[in-house]
N, C-alpha and C. Protein backbone atom coordinates (compact mmCIF):
# COMPACT_ATOMS: atom_id res chain seq x y z
N MET A 1 0.84 -1.20 0.00
CA MET A 1 0.00 0.00 0.00
C MET A 1 0.88 1.26 0.00
N LYS A 2 0.59 2.17 -0.89
CA LYS A 2 1.36 3.41 -0.96
C LYS A 2 1.23 4.18 0.34
N TYR A 3 2.34 4.68 0.84
CA TYR A 3 2.42 5.43 2.09
C TYR A 3 2.18 4.57 3.33
N ALA A 4 2.12 3.27 3.17
CA ALA A 4 1.87 2.40 4.32
C ALA A 4 2.98 2.54 5.37
N LYS A 5 4.21 2.76 4.92
CA LYS A 5 5.31 2.87 5.87
C LYS A 5 5.23 4.14 6.71
N GLU A 6 4.38 5.10 6.31
CA GLU A 6 4.21 6.32 7.10
C GLU A 6 3.10 6.17 8.14
N LEU A 7 2.26 5.17 8.01
CA LEU A 7 1.04 5.13 8.80
C LEU A 7 1.29 4.88 10.28
N ASP A 8 2.38 4.23 10.62
CA ASP A 8 2.63 3.85 12.00
C ASP A 8 3.93 4.46 12.52
N TRP A 9 4.30 5.62 11.96
CA TRP A 9 5.61 6.19 12.27
C TRP A 9 5.48 7.50 13.03
N THR A 10 6.31 7.67 14.05
CA THR A 10 6.36 8.94 14.77
C THR A 10 7.81 9.33 14.97
N VAL A 11 8.03 10.59 15.32
CA VAL A 11 9.39 11.06 15.62
C VAL A 11 9.92 10.25 16.80
N PRO A 12 11.11 9.65 16.68
CA PRO A 12 11.59 8.74 17.72
C PRO A 12 12.14 9.43 18.97
N GLU A 13 12.46 10.73 18.89
CA GLU A 13 13.08 11.38 20.03
C GLU A 13 12.10 11.52 21.18
N PRO A 14 12.54 11.32 22.42
CA PRO A 14 11.67 11.52 23.58
C PRO A 14 11.35 13.00 23.74
N LEU A 15 10.25 13.28 24.43
CA LEU A 15 9.85 14.66 24.68
C LEU A 15 10.82 15.33 25.63
N SER A 16 11.41 16.42 25.20
CA SER A 16 12.31 17.22 26.03
C SER A 16 12.23 18.65 25.56
N VAL A 17 11.65 19.51 26.39
CA VAL A 17 11.49 20.91 26.00
C VAL A 17 12.84 21.53 25.67
N LYS A 18 13.83 21.31 26.51
CA LYS A 18 15.15 21.90 26.29
C LYS A 18 15.74 21.41 24.98
N ARG A 19 15.60 20.11 24.72
CA ARG A 19 16.15 19.54 23.49
C ARG A 19 15.50 20.18 22.27
N TRP A 20 14.17 20.32 22.29
CA TRP A 20 13.47 20.85 21.13
C TRP A 20 13.68 22.34 20.93
N GLU A 21 13.97 23.07 22.01
CA GLU A 21 14.22 24.51 21.86
C GLU A 21 15.60 24.79 21.27
N ASN A 22 16.41 23.76 21.14
CA ASN A 22 17.69 23.89 20.44
C ASN A 22 17.64 23.23 19.07
N HIS A 23 16.46 22.79 18.68
CA HIS A 23 16.29 22.09 17.40
C HIS A 23 16.05 23.09 16.28
N SER A 24 16.36 22.68 15.06
CA SER A 24 16.17 23.56 13.91
C SER A 24 14.71 23.96 13.73
N THR A 25 13.77 23.08 14.10
CA THR A 25 12.35 23.40 13.98
C THR A 25 12.03 24.68 14.76
N TYR A 26 12.49 24.74 15.99
CA TYR A 26 12.25 25.91 16.83
C TYR A 26 12.90 27.15 16.22
N LYS A 27 14.12 27.00 15.74
CA LYS A 27 14.86 28.14 15.21
C LYS A 27 14.20 28.69 13.94
N ILE A 28 13.68 27.79 13.09
CA ILE A 28 13.02 28.25 11.86
C ILE A 28 11.71 28.97 12.20
N ILE A 29 10.95 28.42 13.14
CA ILE A 29 9.71 29.08 13.54
C ILE A 29 10.01 30.46 14.11
N GLN A 30 11.01 30.56 14.95
CA GLN A 30 11.34 31.85 15.55
C GLN A 30 11.83 32.85 14.50
N SER A 31 12.63 32.40 13.57
CA SER A 31 13.19 33.32 12.57
C SER A 31 12.14 33.81 11.58
N HIS A 32 11.00 33.09 11.48
CA HIS A 32 9.93 33.49 10.57
C HIS A 32 8.67 33.92 11.33
N SER A 33 8.82 34.19 12.61
CA SER A 33 7.65 34.44 13.45
C SER A 33 6.87 35.69 13.02
N GLN A 34 7.54 36.64 12.37
CA GLN A 34 6.81 37.85 11.96
C GLN A 34 5.87 37.57 10.80
N TYR A 35 6.05 36.43 10.13
CA TYR A 35 5.19 36.07 8.99
C TYR A 35 4.12 35.05 9.37
N ILE A 36 4.28 34.40 10.51
CA ILE A 36 3.36 33.34 10.93
C ILE A 36 2.32 33.94 11.86
N HIS A 37 1.06 33.87 11.45
CA HIS A 37 0.03 34.53 12.25
C HIS A 37 -1.34 33.91 11.99
N GLY A 38 -2.29 34.28 12.83
CA GLY A 38 -3.67 33.85 12.63
C GLY A 38 -3.84 32.35 12.76
N SER A 39 -4.60 31.77 11.85
CA SER A 39 -4.82 30.34 11.82
C SER A 39 -3.69 29.68 11.03
N VAL A 40 -3.00 28.71 11.66
CA VAL A 40 -1.80 28.12 11.08
C VAL A 40 -1.98 26.61 10.91
N ALA A 41 -1.61 26.10 9.74
CA ALA A 41 -1.60 24.66 9.48
C ALA A 41 -0.19 24.12 9.65
N ASP A 42 -0.08 23.02 10.38
CA ASP A 42 1.18 22.27 10.45
C ASP A 42 0.96 21.00 9.63
N LEU A 43 1.54 20.98 8.44
CA LEU A 43 1.30 19.92 7.47
C LEU A 43 2.34 18.82 7.61
N GLY A 44 1.91 17.68 8.13
CA GLY A 44 2.83 16.63 8.51
C GLY A 44 3.31 16.89 9.93
N CYS A 45 2.35 17.05 10.84
CA CYS A 45 2.66 17.53 12.21
C CYS A 45 3.33 16.49 13.08
N ASN A 46 3.25 15.21 12.69
CA ASN A 46 3.79 14.11 13.48
C ASN A 46 3.29 14.20 14.92
N ASN A 47 4.19 14.25 15.91
CA ASN A 47 3.73 14.19 17.30
C ASN A 47 3.35 15.55 17.89
N GLY A 48 3.21 16.57 17.04
CA GLY A 48 2.65 17.83 17.49
C GLY A 48 3.60 18.80 18.17
N ILE A 49 4.90 18.47 18.17
CA ILE A 49 5.83 19.34 18.90
C ILE A 49 5.90 20.73 18.28
N ALA A 50 5.85 20.82 16.95
CA ALA A 50 5.88 22.14 16.31
C ALA A 50 4.58 22.90 16.58
N CYS A 51 3.48 22.17 16.71
CA CYS A 51 2.21 22.82 17.06
C CYS A 51 2.34 23.52 18.42
N CYS A 52 3.01 22.85 19.34
CA CYS A 52 3.24 23.45 20.66
C CYS A 52 4.04 24.75 20.53
N MET A 53 5.08 24.71 19.71
CA MET A 53 5.91 25.91 19.51
C MET A 53 5.10 27.02 18.88
N LEU A 54 4.29 26.69 17.88
CA LEU A 54 3.47 27.70 17.21
C LEU A 54 2.45 28.32 18.16
N SER A 55 1.91 27.52 19.06
CA SER A 55 0.87 28.01 19.96
C SER A 55 1.37 29.11 20.88
N ASN A 56 2.67 29.18 21.07
CA ASN A 56 3.24 30.19 21.96
C ASN A 56 3.47 31.54 21.29
N LEU A 57 3.27 31.60 19.97
CA LEU A 57 3.40 32.88 19.30
C LEU A 57 2.14 33.70 19.54
N ASP A 58 2.30 34.92 20.02
CA ASP A 58 1.15 35.77 20.32
C ASP A 58 0.32 36.05 19.07
N SER A 59 0.97 36.06 17.91
CA SER A 59 0.28 36.36 16.66
C SER A 59 -0.57 35.21 16.14
N VAL A 60 -0.42 34.03 16.74
CA VAL A 60 -1.12 32.83 16.30
C VAL A 60 -2.38 32.62 17.14
N THR A 61 -3.52 32.47 16.48
CA THR A 61 -4.79 32.27 17.18
C THR A 61 -5.24 30.82 17.19
N GLU A 62 -4.77 30.04 16.23
CA GLU A 62 -5.21 28.65 16.09
C GLU A 62 -4.14 27.86 15.34
N VAL A 63 -3.90 26.63 15.79
CA VAL A 63 -2.98 25.73 15.10
C VAL A 63 -3.71 24.42 14.84
N ILE A 64 -3.76 24.00 13.58
CA ILE A 64 -4.31 22.69 13.23
C ILE A 64 -3.20 21.86 12.61
N GLY A 65 -2.89 20.74 13.26
CA GLY A 65 -1.87 19.84 12.76
C GLY A 65 -2.50 18.69 11.99
N PHE A 66 -1.95 18.38 10.83
CA PHE A 66 -2.46 17.30 9.98
C PHE A 66 -1.38 16.23 9.81
N ASP A 67 -1.78 14.96 9.94
CA ASP A 67 -0.82 13.89 9.71
C ASP A 67 -1.54 12.63 9.26
N ILE A 68 -0.84 11.81 8.47
CA ILE A 68 -1.41 10.58 7.95
C ILE A 68 -1.31 9.44 8.96
N SER A 69 -0.52 9.63 10.02
CA SER A 69 -0.31 8.59 11.02
C SER A 69 -1.24 8.78 12.21
N THR A 70 -2.15 7.83 12.40
CA THR A 70 -3.03 7.91 13.57
C THR A 70 -2.23 7.70 14.85
N LYS A 71 -1.15 6.94 14.78
CA LYS A 71 -0.28 6.76 15.93
C LYS A 71 0.34 8.09 16.33
N ALA A 72 0.79 8.86 15.34
CA ALA A 72 1.38 10.16 15.62
C ALA A 72 0.35 11.10 16.24
N ILE A 73 -0.86 11.09 15.71
CA ILE A 73 -1.92 11.95 16.24
C ILE A 73 -2.22 11.58 17.69
N THR A 74 -2.32 10.28 17.98
CA THR A 74 -2.57 9.82 19.35
C THR A 74 -1.45 10.25 20.29
N GLU A 75 -0.21 10.06 19.83
CA GLU A 75 0.94 10.47 20.65
C GLU A 75 0.96 11.99 20.81
N GLY A 76 0.56 12.70 19.76
CA GLY A 76 0.57 14.16 19.80
C GLY A 76 -0.38 14.72 20.85
N VAL A 77 -1.53 14.07 21.03
CA VAL A 77 -2.47 14.53 22.06
C VAL A 77 -1.79 14.48 23.42
N ASP A 78 -1.01 13.43 23.67
CA ASP A 78 -0.29 13.29 24.93
C ASP A 78 0.82 14.31 25.04
N VAL A 79 1.54 14.54 23.94
CA VAL A 79 2.63 15.53 23.93
C VAL A 79 2.10 16.91 24.27
N ILE A 80 1.00 17.29 23.63
CA ILE A 80 0.40 18.62 23.87
C ILE A 80 -0.05 18.76 25.31
N ASP A 81 -0.59 17.68 25.87
CA ASP A 81 -1.08 17.70 27.25
C ASP A 81 0.05 17.86 28.25
N LYS A 82 1.22 17.25 27.95
CA LYS A 82 2.32 17.23 28.91
C LYS A 82 3.36 18.32 28.68
N HIS A 83 3.35 18.95 27.51
CA HIS A 83 4.39 19.94 27.18
C HIS A 83 4.27 21.14 28.12
N GLN A 84 5.37 21.47 28.77
CA GLN A 84 5.35 22.54 29.77
C GLN A 84 5.16 23.92 29.15
N LYS A 85 5.52 24.05 27.88
CA LYS A 85 5.41 25.35 27.22
C LYS A 85 4.49 25.20 26.01
N CYS A 86 3.21 25.20 26.28
CA CYS A 86 2.24 24.94 25.22
C CYS A 86 0.91 25.56 25.63
N LYS A 87 0.15 25.99 24.62
CA LYS A 87 -1.20 26.51 24.86
C LYS A 87 -2.18 25.59 24.15
N PRO A 88 -2.57 24.49 24.83
CA PRO A 88 -3.36 23.44 24.18
C PRO A 88 -4.72 23.91 23.68
N ASP A 89 -5.26 24.99 24.26
CA ASP A 89 -6.56 25.48 23.81
C ASP A 89 -6.50 26.02 22.38
N LYS A 90 -5.30 26.31 21.88
CA LYS A 90 -5.14 26.80 20.51
C LYS A 90 -4.98 25.68 19.49
N ILE A 91 -4.77 24.43 19.95
CA ILE A 91 -4.29 23.36 19.07
C ILE A 91 -5.36 22.29 18.83
N LYS A 92 -5.42 21.85 17.57
CA LYS A 92 -6.24 20.70 17.18
C LYS A 92 -5.40 19.84 16.23
N LEU A 93 -5.44 18.53 16.45
CA LEU A 93 -4.76 17.59 15.57
C LEU A 93 -5.78 16.79 14.78
N LYS A 94 -5.51 16.60 13.47
CA LYS A 94 -6.47 15.92 12.61
C LYS A 94 -5.74 14.90 11.73
N TYR A 95 -6.34 13.71 11.60
CA TYR A 95 -5.84 12.76 10.63
C TYR A 95 -6.17 13.27 9.23
N SER A 96 -5.17 13.31 8.36
CA SER A 96 -5.43 13.75 6.99
C SER A 96 -4.27 13.36 6.09
N ASN A 97 -4.61 12.84 4.93
CA ASN A 97 -3.64 12.64 3.87
C ASN A 97 -3.46 13.98 3.16
N LEU A 98 -2.23 14.41 2.95
CA LEU A 98 -2.00 15.72 2.34
C LEU A 98 -2.40 15.78 0.87
N LEU A 99 -2.72 14.62 0.28
CA LEU A 99 -3.25 14.63 -1.08
C LEU A 99 -4.65 15.23 -1.11
N LYS A 100 -5.31 15.23 0.04
CA LYS A 100 -6.62 15.86 0.17
C LYS A 100 -6.74 16.35 1.61
N ILE A 101 -6.25 17.56 1.85
CA ILE A 101 -6.20 18.11 3.21
C ILE A 101 -7.62 18.35 3.72
N ASP A 102 -7.88 17.90 4.93
CA ASP A 102 -9.20 18.00 5.53
C ASP A 102 -9.46 19.42 6.03
N SER A 103 -9.67 20.33 5.07
CA SER A 103 -9.91 21.73 5.40
C SER A 103 -10.62 22.40 4.23
N GLU A 104 -11.42 23.37 4.55
CA GLU A 104 -12.01 24.18 3.48
C GLU A 104 -10.95 25.05 2.83
N GLY A 105 -11.23 25.55 1.67
CA GLY A 105 -10.27 26.38 0.94
C GLY A 105 -10.14 27.77 1.53
N ASP A 106 -8.98 28.40 1.28
CA ASP A 106 -8.72 29.78 1.73
C ASP A 106 -8.97 29.94 3.23
N TYR A 107 -8.57 28.94 4.00
CA TYR A 107 -8.85 28.97 5.45
C TYR A 107 -7.68 29.51 6.27
N PHE A 108 -6.47 29.07 5.94
CA PHE A 108 -5.31 29.35 6.80
C PHE A 108 -4.59 30.64 6.40
N ASP A 109 -4.15 31.36 7.41
CA ASP A 109 -3.33 32.56 7.19
C ASP A 109 -1.87 32.18 6.94
N SER A 110 -1.44 31.05 7.50
CA SER A 110 -0.05 30.62 7.40
C SER A 110 0.00 29.09 7.44
N ALA A 111 1.11 28.55 6.98
CA ALA A 111 1.30 27.09 7.05
C ALA A 111 2.78 26.79 7.17
N ILE A 112 3.09 25.71 7.88
CA ILE A 112 4.46 25.20 7.91
C ILE A 112 4.43 23.76 7.42
N CYS A 113 5.55 23.33 6.86
CA CYS A 113 5.69 21.95 6.40
C CYS A 113 7.16 21.58 6.55
N PHE A 114 7.49 20.94 7.66
CA PHE A 114 8.89 20.65 7.99
C PHE A 114 9.16 19.16 7.84
N HIS A 115 10.08 18.85 6.95
CA HIS A 115 10.54 17.47 6.73
C HIS A 115 9.37 16.52 6.50
N THR A 116 8.53 16.91 5.56
CA THR A 116 7.38 16.09 5.18
C THR A 116 7.35 15.82 3.68
N LEU A 117 7.67 16.82 2.86
CA LEU A 117 7.56 16.67 1.41
C LEU A 117 8.47 15.56 0.87
N GLU A 118 9.56 15.27 1.56
CA GLU A 118 10.44 14.20 1.10
C GLU A 118 9.79 12.82 1.23
N HIS A 119 8.67 12.74 1.97
CA HIS A 119 7.93 11.49 2.11
C HIS A 119 6.81 11.36 1.08
N ILE A 120 6.65 12.36 0.22
CA ILE A 120 5.62 12.34 -0.81
C ILE A 120 6.24 11.85 -2.12
N TYR A 121 5.61 10.89 -2.76
CA TYR A 121 6.15 10.36 -4.02
C TYR A 121 6.11 11.44 -5.10
N PRO A 122 7.10 11.46 -5.98
CA PRO A 122 7.18 12.52 -7.00
C PRO A 122 5.90 12.68 -7.82
N GLU A 123 5.24 11.57 -8.14
CA GLU A 123 4.04 11.65 -8.96
C GLU A 123 2.86 12.29 -8.21
N ASP A 124 2.98 12.41 -6.88
CA ASP A 124 1.92 13.03 -6.07
C ASP A 124 2.25 14.46 -5.66
N MET A 125 3.45 14.91 -5.98
CA MET A 125 3.92 16.19 -5.44
C MET A 125 3.05 17.36 -5.89
N ASP A 126 2.66 17.38 -7.15
CA ASP A 126 1.82 18.47 -7.64
C ASP A 126 0.48 18.52 -6.91
N TYR A 127 -0.07 17.35 -6.62
CA TYR A 127 -1.34 17.31 -5.89
C TYR A 127 -1.19 17.92 -4.50
N VAL A 128 -0.11 17.57 -3.82
CA VAL A 128 0.09 18.07 -2.46
C VAL A 128 0.32 19.58 -2.44
N ILE A 129 1.15 20.07 -3.35
CA ILE A 129 1.41 21.52 -3.38
C ILE A 129 0.14 22.28 -3.77
N SER A 130 -0.65 21.71 -4.67
CA SER A 130 -1.90 22.37 -5.04
C SER A 130 -2.88 22.39 -3.87
N GLU A 131 -2.85 21.36 -3.03
CA GLU A 131 -3.69 21.34 -1.84
C GLU A 131 -3.24 22.38 -0.81
N ILE A 132 -1.93 22.53 -0.67
CA ILE A 132 -1.41 23.56 0.24
C ILE A 132 -1.86 24.94 -0.24
N ALA A 133 -1.76 25.17 -1.54
CA ALA A 133 -2.22 26.45 -2.10
C ALA A 133 -3.72 26.63 -1.88
N ARG A 134 -4.46 25.55 -2.01
CA ARG A 134 -5.92 25.64 -1.87
C ARG A 134 -6.35 26.08 -0.48
N VAL A 135 -5.70 25.53 0.57
CA VAL A 135 -6.16 25.81 1.94
C VAL A 135 -5.62 27.13 2.48
N LEU A 136 -4.60 27.70 1.83
CA LEU A 136 -4.06 28.99 2.26
C LEU A 136 -4.86 30.14 1.68
N LYS A 137 -5.04 31.19 2.47
CA LYS A 137 -5.66 32.41 1.97
C LYS A 137 -4.69 33.11 1.01
N PRO A 138 -5.17 33.90 0.07
CA PRO A 138 -4.27 34.74 -0.73
C PRO A 138 -3.41 35.60 0.20
N GLY A 139 -2.13 35.63 -0.07
CA GLY A 139 -1.20 36.35 0.81
C GLY A 139 -0.71 35.51 1.97
N GLY A 140 -1.20 34.25 2.05
CA GLY A 140 -0.79 33.37 3.14
C GLY A 140 0.65 32.93 2.99
N CYS A 141 1.33 32.84 4.12
CA CYS A 141 2.76 32.49 4.14
C CYS A 141 2.94 30.99 4.33
N PHE A 142 3.83 30.40 3.55
CA PHE A 142 4.14 28.97 3.63
C PHE A 142 5.63 28.82 3.92
N VAL A 143 5.96 28.31 5.11
CA VAL A 143 7.35 28.12 5.53
C VAL A 143 7.65 26.63 5.46
N PHE A 144 8.77 26.28 4.84
CA PHE A 144 9.05 24.86 4.59
C PHE A 144 10.51 24.54 4.81
N THR A 145 10.77 23.29 5.06
CA THR A 145 12.15 22.79 5.05
C THR A 145 12.13 21.32 4.65
N VAL A 146 13.11 20.94 3.83
CA VAL A 146 13.27 19.55 3.37
C VAL A 146 14.77 19.24 3.35
N PRO A 147 15.14 17.97 3.36
CA PRO A 147 16.55 17.64 3.16
C PRO A 147 17.04 18.13 1.80
N CYS A 148 18.26 18.59 1.76
CA CYS A 148 18.85 19.04 0.51
C CYS A 148 19.45 17.85 -0.24
N GLU A 149 18.95 17.62 -1.45
CA GLU A 149 19.43 16.54 -2.30
C GLU A 149 19.38 15.21 -1.53
N TYR A 150 20.51 14.53 -1.35
CA TYR A 150 20.46 13.23 -0.69
C TYR A 150 20.90 13.29 0.77
N ALA A 151 20.82 14.46 1.39
CA ALA A 151 21.07 14.55 2.83
C ALA A 151 20.05 13.67 3.56
N PHE A 152 20.46 13.13 4.69
CA PHE A 152 19.63 12.19 5.46
C PHE A 152 19.25 10.96 4.61
N SER A 153 20.05 10.63 3.61
CA SER A 153 19.67 9.58 2.66
C SER A 153 19.61 8.19 3.30
N ALA A 154 20.09 8.08 4.54
CA ALA A 154 20.01 6.78 5.21
C ALA A 154 18.57 6.40 5.53
N SER A 155 17.67 7.39 5.51
CA SER A 155 16.26 7.10 5.81
C SER A 155 15.59 6.42 4.62
N ASP A 156 15.05 5.25 4.86
CA ASP A 156 14.37 4.55 3.76
C ASP A 156 12.98 5.09 3.52
N LYS A 157 12.56 6.08 4.31
CA LYS A 157 11.24 6.67 4.13
C LYS A 157 11.27 7.84 3.14
N HIS A 158 12.44 8.27 2.72
CA HIS A 158 12.52 9.39 1.77
C HIS A 158 12.33 8.88 0.36
N VAL A 159 11.37 9.47 -0.35
CA VAL A 159 11.07 9.02 -1.71
C VAL A 159 11.20 10.14 -2.74
N SER A 160 11.34 11.39 -2.27
CA SER A 160 11.57 12.53 -3.17
C SER A 160 12.77 13.32 -2.67
N PHE A 161 13.49 13.91 -3.63
CA PHE A 161 14.73 14.60 -3.30
C PHE A 161 14.75 15.95 -4.00
N PHE A 162 15.22 16.98 -3.28
CA PHE A 162 15.05 18.35 -3.72
C PHE A 162 16.38 19.08 -3.83
N SER A 163 16.36 20.11 -4.69
CA SER A 163 17.51 20.98 -4.84
C SER A 163 17.04 22.40 -5.08
N ILE A 164 17.91 23.35 -4.80
CA ILE A 164 17.63 24.74 -5.16
C ILE A 164 17.83 24.92 -6.67
N LYS A 165 18.75 24.14 -7.23
CA LYS A 165 19.07 24.26 -8.64
C LYS A 165 18.03 23.54 -9.50
N ASP A 166 17.84 24.03 -10.70
CA ASP A 166 16.92 23.43 -11.65
C ASP A 166 17.69 22.45 -12.52
N ASN A 167 17.59 21.17 -12.20
CA ASN A 167 18.24 20.16 -13.02
C ASN A 167 17.40 18.89 -13.01
N ASP A 168 17.79 17.90 -13.78
CA ASP A 168 16.98 16.70 -13.95
C ASP A 168 17.15 15.70 -12.81
N ASP A 169 18.11 15.93 -11.93
CA ASP A 169 18.39 14.95 -10.88
C ASP A 169 17.50 15.09 -9.66
N TYR A 170 16.99 16.29 -9.43
CA TYR A 170 16.21 16.56 -8.23
C TYR A 170 14.99 17.42 -8.59
N ILE A 171 14.04 17.48 -7.66
CA ILE A 171 12.90 18.39 -7.80
C ILE A 171 13.37 19.79 -7.40
N CYS A 172 13.17 20.76 -8.28
CA CYS A 172 13.53 22.15 -7.97
C CYS A 172 12.36 22.75 -7.19
N LEU A 173 12.56 22.96 -5.91
CA LEU A 173 11.46 23.35 -5.03
C LEU A 173 10.89 24.72 -5.38
N SER A 174 11.73 25.67 -5.70
CA SER A 174 11.22 27.00 -6.03
C SER A 174 10.39 26.96 -7.31
N LYS A 175 10.84 26.20 -8.30
CA LYS A 175 10.09 26.06 -9.56
C LYS A 175 8.74 25.40 -9.31
N LEU A 176 8.73 24.38 -8.47
CA LEU A 176 7.50 23.67 -8.14
C LEU A 176 6.49 24.61 -7.48
N LEU A 177 6.94 25.38 -6.50
CA LEU A 177 6.04 26.28 -5.79
C LEU A 177 5.51 27.39 -6.70
N LYS A 178 6.39 27.93 -7.52
CA LYS A 178 5.96 28.99 -8.44
C LYS A 178 4.90 28.49 -9.42
N SER A 179 5.01 27.23 -9.82
CA SER A 179 4.04 26.67 -10.75
C SER A 179 2.65 26.52 -10.14
N HIS A 180 2.58 26.63 -8.81
CA HIS A 180 1.29 26.53 -8.11
C HIS A 180 0.89 27.86 -7.47
N GLY A 181 1.44 28.94 -7.99
CA GLY A 181 0.96 30.25 -7.58
C GLY A 181 1.60 30.84 -6.35
N PHE A 182 2.79 30.38 -5.99
CA PHE A 182 3.51 30.96 -4.87
C PHE A 182 4.61 31.90 -5.35
N ASP A 183 4.74 33.04 -4.70
CA ASP A 183 5.94 33.85 -4.83
C ASP A 183 6.94 33.30 -3.81
N VAL A 184 8.11 32.88 -4.26
CA VAL A 184 9.12 32.34 -3.35
C VAL A 184 10.00 33.48 -2.87
N ASN A 185 9.73 33.95 -1.68
CA ASN A 185 10.44 35.12 -1.14
C ASN A 185 11.86 34.80 -0.71
N GLU A 186 12.07 33.55 -0.27
CA GLU A 186 13.43 33.14 0.10
C GLU A 186 13.53 31.63 0.01
N ILE A 187 14.71 31.17 -0.36
CA ILE A 187 15.01 29.75 -0.36
C ILE A 187 16.52 29.62 -0.28
N TYR A 188 17.00 28.78 0.60
CA TYR A 188 18.44 28.71 0.81
C TYR A 188 18.83 27.36 1.41
N GLU A 189 20.08 26.99 1.20
CA GLU A 189 20.62 25.81 1.84
C GLU A 189 20.94 26.16 3.29
N ASP A 190 20.47 25.34 4.18
CA ASP A 190 20.50 25.65 5.60
C ASP A 190 21.30 24.58 6.34
N ALA A 191 22.55 24.91 6.64
CA ALA A 191 23.39 23.98 7.41
C ALA A 191 23.17 24.23 8.89
N THR A 192 21.94 24.07 9.31
CA THR A 192 21.56 24.42 10.68
C THR A 192 22.38 23.67 11.71
N LEU A 193 22.66 22.42 11.42
CA LEU A 193 23.38 21.59 12.39
C LEU A 193 24.88 21.53 12.09
N ASP A 194 25.34 22.44 11.20
CA ASP A 194 26.76 22.50 10.84
C ASP A 194 27.29 21.13 10.40
N ASN A 195 26.51 20.45 9.60
CA ASN A 195 26.87 19.11 9.19
C ASN A 195 26.37 18.90 7.77
N ARG A 196 27.28 18.79 6.81
CA ARG A 196 26.91 18.66 5.40
C ARG A 196 25.99 17.45 5.18
N GLU A 197 26.15 16.42 5.99
CA GLU A 197 25.31 15.24 5.85
C GLU A 197 23.86 15.55 6.20
N GLN A 198 23.62 16.65 6.92
CA GLN A 198 22.27 17.00 7.33
C GLN A 198 21.86 18.38 6.80
N LEU A 199 22.38 18.73 5.64
CA LEU A 199 22.05 20.01 5.01
C LEU A 199 20.59 20.00 4.55
N CYS A 200 19.91 21.11 4.79
CA CYS A 200 18.49 21.23 4.41
C CYS A 200 18.29 22.38 3.43
N ILE A 201 17.11 22.39 2.83
CA ILE A 201 16.63 23.54 2.08
C ILE A 201 15.50 24.15 2.88
N THR A 202 15.62 25.39 3.23
CA THR A 202 14.61 26.10 4.01
C THR A 202 14.16 27.31 3.20
N GLY A 203 12.90 27.67 3.34
CA GLY A 203 12.42 28.84 2.60
C GLY A 203 11.02 29.25 2.99
N MET A 204 10.53 30.24 2.26
CA MET A 204 9.21 30.78 2.51
C MET A 204 8.59 31.21 1.19
N GLY A 205 7.35 30.80 0.97
CA GLY A 205 6.59 31.23 -0.19
C GLY A 205 5.31 31.92 0.25
N VAL A 206 4.78 32.78 -0.60
CA VAL A 206 3.55 33.48 -0.30
C VAL A 206 2.56 33.21 -1.43
N LYS A 207 1.36 32.77 -1.08
CA LYS A 207 0.36 32.47 -2.08
C LYS A 207 -0.11 33.78 -2.75
N GLN A 208 -0.07 33.80 -4.06
CA GLN A 208 -0.47 35.00 -4.79
C GLN A 208 -1.98 35.22 -4.69
């Protein structure tokens, strides 16, 4: 079954507020906090840790996390309940395949998608990006990060590979987003962990 290997998978790291506040997820959210506001979608939310981080932004009124793994959603409810720095009244987690996001159109003011697109098969990528565009309001900000090229390639769950450059070997992320109506305001290789083996592509697009 396609995506079956994602259905029972969660982030393996134990819950540790200190550990996550030094993680690249926290740093990316903080560095883009002036653009993240209102109702926010966390696309591929896994165990909800980024939802917790988003809930602490004063500019954020609602966070809805979407994930294909019911195990992750179940674990996320517990994470949100136990996280010492979280505003659970702002957060809702929903089971959803990103090929058809369980949301009405033009709903979200902002969206994040961290280390999720690499789990989407290339033939489905256009569907997923079009769904992200559908649920965002015009002018909505989309903040993303994916492994750069074959970084993290030891993971057997990665099925798509991205580059900033436009070539036949990888999916050019900026070209993909532009084809679905996003202005790509920034995109860059992000050696957040100072380790070439874990180099990422991080950026921000705005729905036209």
